[in-house]
Amino acid sequence: MRLTVLGSGSTGNAMLIVAGETRVLVDAGMSAREIMRRLALMGEDAAQLDAVIVTHEHGDHAGGLRVLLQTLTCPVFMSEGTREAYVAERSRNLSKDEPRRRTEILRDRTEEIATSRDFRIGAIDFHPFTVPHD
């Protein structure tokens, strides 16, 4: 298994987990263009992602998600609360149409995850749990 931190900090978080043929992006806090550029630097193609997991809705973890998903066909894993908060997020930098766009891009491709309910994506097992975060 390989874990590559593509970015960490208030300007954007993203990590790539690779196990065998399975590729999972955890968070998409940078622009879609920057995520794809950094994946390419690692020799990875975003089109080969098996899934995207969003840990929570803060912009530094999900800011590039909608645009990134326009180029991907993989599912998105997130909790119901994260999805609701991500869609409803209001920011002076977002257009009034952004909640509708987010709802549309997530339609029929969101897999709900829940605390303490393990799940698997390809060759990778995940064990979600709640942690405090401001």
Foldseek 3Di string as FASTA:
>chain_A
DDKAWLDDDPQATWIWDDDPQAIEIEFDLHALVSVQVSCVVVVHHLQSHQEYEQAAQDNRGHVRPLVNLVPYDHAYEEAPVRLVCNLPDDDPPDDPCRSVSSCVSNPPRYDHDDAQDWDDGVPDIDHHHDDDDD
